[in-house]
């Protein structure tokens, strides 16, 4: 799939604007920044498919979908052939989601949002995601160790609401609900594992440093950026 960001200038009608209710989350195309989908909840807290790390979104949680029908693709899976009916960004036509029943079918239970195809804050992506040729420029806080593990310093701030990624700059900045100690460490490890679509066994938080194993550094960076509101 086309993963690079594209430049886009658009004029939105009022019917195309995201909902303003705080219980909804508006999502924008990672590639061009166009509003594409509004959902109940946050995509990075929802279950992920083991086959492709797509977020599993119950159809009833989809509040607004501006995506347009794209291609129909058949893919080989361990259990057989899976047919995907793709949903594309309304502006740049990059695939951002799919379902396994026809676009207009009744009783569609789930929409599968392609891994890191949608972001909460397009301005964050524009400022922090930089590509040079085929390479992504990683921030200095993300380091790849000799054994392949990815490490980054972590700074946490106590919040009574919910876990959140607030910035990736000099460190990975997180908002947590646990006030330090083992409870906070457990909260961070579980939340980060879910966000990255990996096992908690691949995550370690020690002395303010997060270690992630068996996940590519560019995937880690992209998934964190997509979760910043």
Protein backbone atom coordinates (compact mmCIF):
# COMPACT_ATOMS: atom_id res chain seq x y z
CA UNK A 1 0.00 0.00 0.00
CA UNK A 2 0.99 3.61 -0.53
CA UNK A 3 2.34 4.72 2.86
CA UNK A 4 3.98 8.07 2.02
CA UNK A 5 2.35 11.35 2.94
CA UNK A 6 0.83 13.45 0.20
CA UNK A 7 0.16 17.17 0.12
CA UNK A 8 -3.50 18.11 -0.06
CA UNK A 9 -5.52 21.32 -0.06
CA UNK A 10 -9.24 20.93 0.48
CA UNK A 11 -12.36 22.90 1.27
CA UNK A 12 -14.80 21.06 3.51
CA UNK A 13 -18.54 21.54 3.50
CA UNK A 14 -20.22 21.62 6.90
CA UNK A 15 -21.53 18.09 6.32
CA UNK A 16 -17.93 16.90 5.89
CA UNK A 17 -16.66 18.28 9.18
CA UNK A 18 -15.98 15.92 12.11
CA UNK A 19 -18.48 15.74 15.01
CA UNK A 20 -17.81 18.14 17.87
CA UNK A 21 -19.11 15.86 20.63
CA UNK A 22 -16.16 14.98 22.93
CA UNK A 23 -17.28 11.35 23.20
CA UNK A 24 -16.39 10.88 19.52
CA UNK A 25 -12.91 10.73 18.02
CA UNK A 26 -12.27 12.21 14.57
CA UNK A 27 -9.66 10.45 12.43
CA UNK A 28 -7.72 11.84 9.50
CA UNK A 29 -5.86 10.18 6.64
CA UNK A 30 -2.20 9.73 7.55
CA UNK A 31 -1.17 10.30 3.93
CA UNK A 32 -2.92 13.62 3.22
CA UNK A 33 -4.63 14.79 6.43
CA UNK A 34 -8.22 14.63 5.18
CA UNK A 35 -11.02 13.91 7.66
CA UNK A 36 -12.13 10.34 6.94
CA UNK A 37 -13.83 8.71 9.90
CA UNK A 38 -15.38 9.48 13.27
CA UNK A 39 -15.75 6.71 15.82
CA UNK A 40 -16.90 6.11 19.35
CA UNK A 41 -13.71 5.58 21.36
CA UNK A 42 -10.09 5.44 20.23
CA UNK A 43 -8.79 3.11 17.54
CA UNK A 44 -5.54 2.39 19.40
CA UNK A 45 -7.49 0.97 22.37
CA UNK A 46 -9.49 -1.44 20.20
CA UNK A 47 -8.51 -5.05 19.45
CA UNK A 48 -6.12 -5.68 16.56
CA UNK A 49 -6.23 -8.50 14.04
CA UNK A 50 -3.33 -10.92 14.32
CA UNK A 51 -3.13 -11.23 10.52
CA UNK A 52 -2.35 -7.57 9.69
CA UNK A 53 -2.65 -5.52 12.92
CA UNK A 54 -5.77 -3.74 11.62
CA UNK A 55 -7.93 -2.21 14.36
CA UNK A 56 -11.23 -4.05 14.78
CA UNK A 57 -14.01 -1.46 14.89
CA UNK A 58 -17.61 -2.56 15.56
CA UNK A 59 -19.77 -1.03 12.83
CA UNK A 60 -22.14 0.42 15.43
CA UNK A 61 -19.20 2.48 16.78
CA UNK A 62 -18.73 4.21 13.40
CA UNK A 63 -20.35 7.64 13.74
CA UNK A 64 -19.38 9.17 10.40
CA UNK A 65 -17.66 7.58 7.40
CA UNK A 66 -16.61 9.82 4.52
CA UNK A 67 -14.45 7.14 2.91
CA UNK A 68 -15.27 6.01 -0.61
CA UNK A 69 -15.50 2.46 -1.89
CA UNK A 70 -12.19 1.30 -3.34
CA UNK A 71 -10.96 -2.01 -4.71
CA UNK A 72 -12.05 -5.52 -3.88
CA UNK A 73 -8.98 -7.61 -2.97
CA UNK A 74 -8.55 -11.33 -2.33
CA UNK A 75 -5.73 -12.27 0.04
CA UNK A 76 -4.36 -15.63 1.13
CA UNK A 77 -4.72 -16.27 4.85
CA UNK A 78 -3.74 -19.33 6.93
CA UNK A 79 -7.44 -20.29 7.07
CA UNK A 80 -8.05 -19.74 3.35
CA UNK A 81 -8.78 -16.80 1.07
CA UNK A 82 -10.09 -13.54 2.54
CA UNK A 83 -11.96 -11.04 0.39
CA UNK A 84 -11.56 -7.42 1.43
CA UNK A 85 -13.83 -4.61 0.28
CA UNK A 86 -11.59 -1.57 0.68
CA UNK A 87 -12.51 1.90 1.86
CA UNK A 88 -10.29 4.69 0.51
CA UNK A 89 -9.48 8.19 1.76
CA UNK A 90 -12.04 10.60 0.25
CA UNK A 91 -9.26 12.90 -0.98
CA UNK A 92 -6.11 10.99 -1.92
CA UNK A 93 -7.66 7.52 -2.46
CA UNK A 94 -5.14 5.69 -0.25
CA UNK A 95 -6.83 2.61 1.33
CA UNK A 96 -7.56 3.24 5.01
CA UNK A 97 -10.01 0.48 5.98
CA UNK A 98 -11.83 -2.60 4.72
CA UNK A 99 -14.66 -4.97 5.50
CA UNK A 100 -15.19 -8.60 4.57
CA UNK A 101 -18.69 -8.14 3.16
CA UNK A 102 -19.75 -6.04 0.18
CA UNK A 103 -19.84 -2.29 0.74
CA UNK A 104 -23.65 -2.00 0.80
CA UNK A 105 -24.33 -5.34 2.51
CA UNK A 106 -26.72 -5.44 5.47
CA UNK A 107 -25.56 -6.62 8.86
CA UNK A 108 -21.85 -5.76 8.49
CA UNK A 109 -20.46 -6.31 12.00
CA UNK A 110 -16.94 -4.92 11.76
CA UNK A 111 -14.90 -2.35 9.95
CA UNK A 112 -11.16 -3.06 9.93
CA UNK A 113 -9.00 0.07 9.97
CA UNK A 114 -5.62 -0.50 8.32
CA UNK A 115 -2.71 -0.25 10.73
CA UNK A 116 -1.60 3.39 11.19
CA UNK A 117 -3.61 4.58 8.17
CA UNK A 118 -5.59 7.10 10.24
CA UNK A 119 -4.39 9.63 12.81
CA UNK A 120 -6.07 11.72 15.49
CA UNK A 121 -4.11 14.90 14.76
CA UNK A 122 -2.94 15.57 11.19
CA UNK A 123 -0.90 18.62 12.24
CA UNK A 124 1.26 16.36 14.44
CA UNK A 125 1.94 14.10 11.47
CA UNK A 126 2.85 17.06 9.26
CA UNK A 127 5.31 18.40 11.82
CA UNK A 128 6.97 15.20 13.02
CA UNK A 129 6.82 12.66 10.16
CA UNK A 130 9.61 13.32 7.65
CA UNK A 131 10.65 11.07 4.80
CA UNK A 132 13.95 11.22 2.93
CA UNK A 133 13.69 8.94 -0.08
CA UNK A 134 12.55 5.58 1.24
CA UNK A 135 13.69 6.30 4.80
CA UNK A 136 11.81 7.85 7.71
CA UNK A 137 13.64 10.35 9.90
CA UNK A 138 13.29 9.11 13.47
CA UNK A 139 13.46 11.47 16.45
CA UNK A 140 16.61 11.24 18.56
CA UNK A 141 14.67 9.71 21.45
CA UNK A 142 14.07 6.51 19.44
CA UNK A 143 17.21 4.41 19.43
CA UNK A 144 17.94 1.00 17.95
CA UNK A 145 20.30 -1.03 20.15
CA UNK A 146 22.89 -3.53 18.94
CA UNK A 147 20.57 -6.44 19.70
CA UNK A 148 17.78 -4.89 17.59
CA UNK A 149 15.66 -3.70 20.52
CA UNK A 150 14.17 -0.21 20.28
CA UNK A 151 14.55 2.02 23.33
CA UNK A 152 13.25 5.46 24.23
CA UNK A 153 13.08 7.58 27.39
CA UNK A 154 9.62 7.98 28.87
CA UNK A 155 8.11 10.94 30.71
CA UNK A 156 4.75 10.45 32.43
CA UNK A 157 2.17 12.88 33.75
CA UNK A 158 -0.66 11.85 36.06
CA UNK A 159 -4.16 12.21 34.62
CA UNK A 160 -7.39 11.01 36.17
CA UNK A 161 -9.02 10.40 32.81
CA UNK A 162 -7.23 7.79 30.67
CA UNK A 163 -3.93 6.66 29.27
CA UNK A 164 -2.77 8.74 26.31
CA UNK A 165 0.25 9.46 24.16
CA UNK A 166 0.75 13.21 24.29
CA UNK A 167 3.98 13.76 22.32
CA UNK A 168 7.08 12.14 20.85
CA UNK A 169 9.95 14.63 21.06
CA UNK A 170 12.83 14.54 23.54
CA UNK A 171 11.05 11.51 25.01
CA UNK A 172 7.85 9.54 24.71
CA UNK A 173 5.39 11.64 26.71
CA UNK A 174 2.49 9.72 28.26
CA UNK A 175 -0.54 10.63 30.33
CA UNK A 176 -1.27 7.89 32.89
CA UNK A 177 -3.91 7.20 35.51
CA UNK A 178 -1.67 5.36 38.00
CA UNK A 179 0.43 7.34 40.46
CA UNK A 180 3.86 5.74 40.00
CA UNK A 181 5.29 2.39 41.07
CA UNK A 182 4.33 -1.03 39.78
CA UNK A 183 0.77 0.07 38.97
CA UNK A 184 1.99 2.76 36.59
CA UNK A 185 4.55 0.43 35.03
CA UNK A 186 1.88 -2.21 34.43
CA UNK A 187 -0.49 0.39 32.96
CA UNK A 188 2.14 1.64 30.52
CA UNK A 189 3.29 -1.83 29.43
CA UNK A 190 -0.28 -3.04 28.77
CA UNK A 191 -1.35 0.14 26.98
CA UNK A 192 1.76 0.34 24.81
CA UNK A 193 1.52 -3.34 23.88
CA UNK A 194 -2.08 -2.85 22.78
CA UNK A 195 -1.21 0.29 20.83
CA UNK A 196 1.69 -1.39 19.05
CA UNK A 197 -0.22 -4.62 18.48
CA UNK A 198 2.31 -6.82 20.24
CA UNK A 199 2.63 -8.93 23.39
CA UNK A 200 3.39 -7.44 26.80
CA UNK A 201 6.38 -9.80 26.80
CA UNK A 202 7.92 -7.61 24.09
CA UNK A 203 7.63 -4.46 26.25
CA UNK A 204 9.73 -3.45 29.24
CA UNK A 205 9.70 -0.24 31.27
CA UNK A 206 12.62 0.24 33.63
CA UNK A 207 14.16 3.36 35.17
CA UNK A 208 12.27 5.64 32.81
CA UNK A 209 13.28 3.81 29.63
CA UNK A 210 10.85 1.88 27.43
CA UNK A 211 12.24 -1.13 25.52
CA UNK A 212 10.33 -2.70 22.63
CA UNK A 213 11.41 -5.89 20.90
CA UNK A 214 10.46 -7.36 17.52
CA UNK A 215 8.68 -4.24 16.26
CA UNK A 216 10.31 -2.03 13.61
CA UNK A 217 11.28 1.45 14.85
CA UNK A 218 9.39 3.20 12.03
CA UNK A 219 6.23 1.22 12.91
CA UNK A 220 6.62 2.20 16.57
CA UNK A 221 7.04 5.87 15.69
CA UNK A 222 4.12 5.90 13.26
CA UNK A 223 1.73 4.16 15.64
CA UNK A 224 2.61 6.54 18.49
CA UNK A 225 2.09 9.57 16.23
CA UNK A 226 -1.32 8.29 15.09
CA UNK A 227 -2.45 8.10 18.74
CA UNK A 228 -1.56 11.70 19.66
CA UNK A 229 -4.74 13.75 19.99
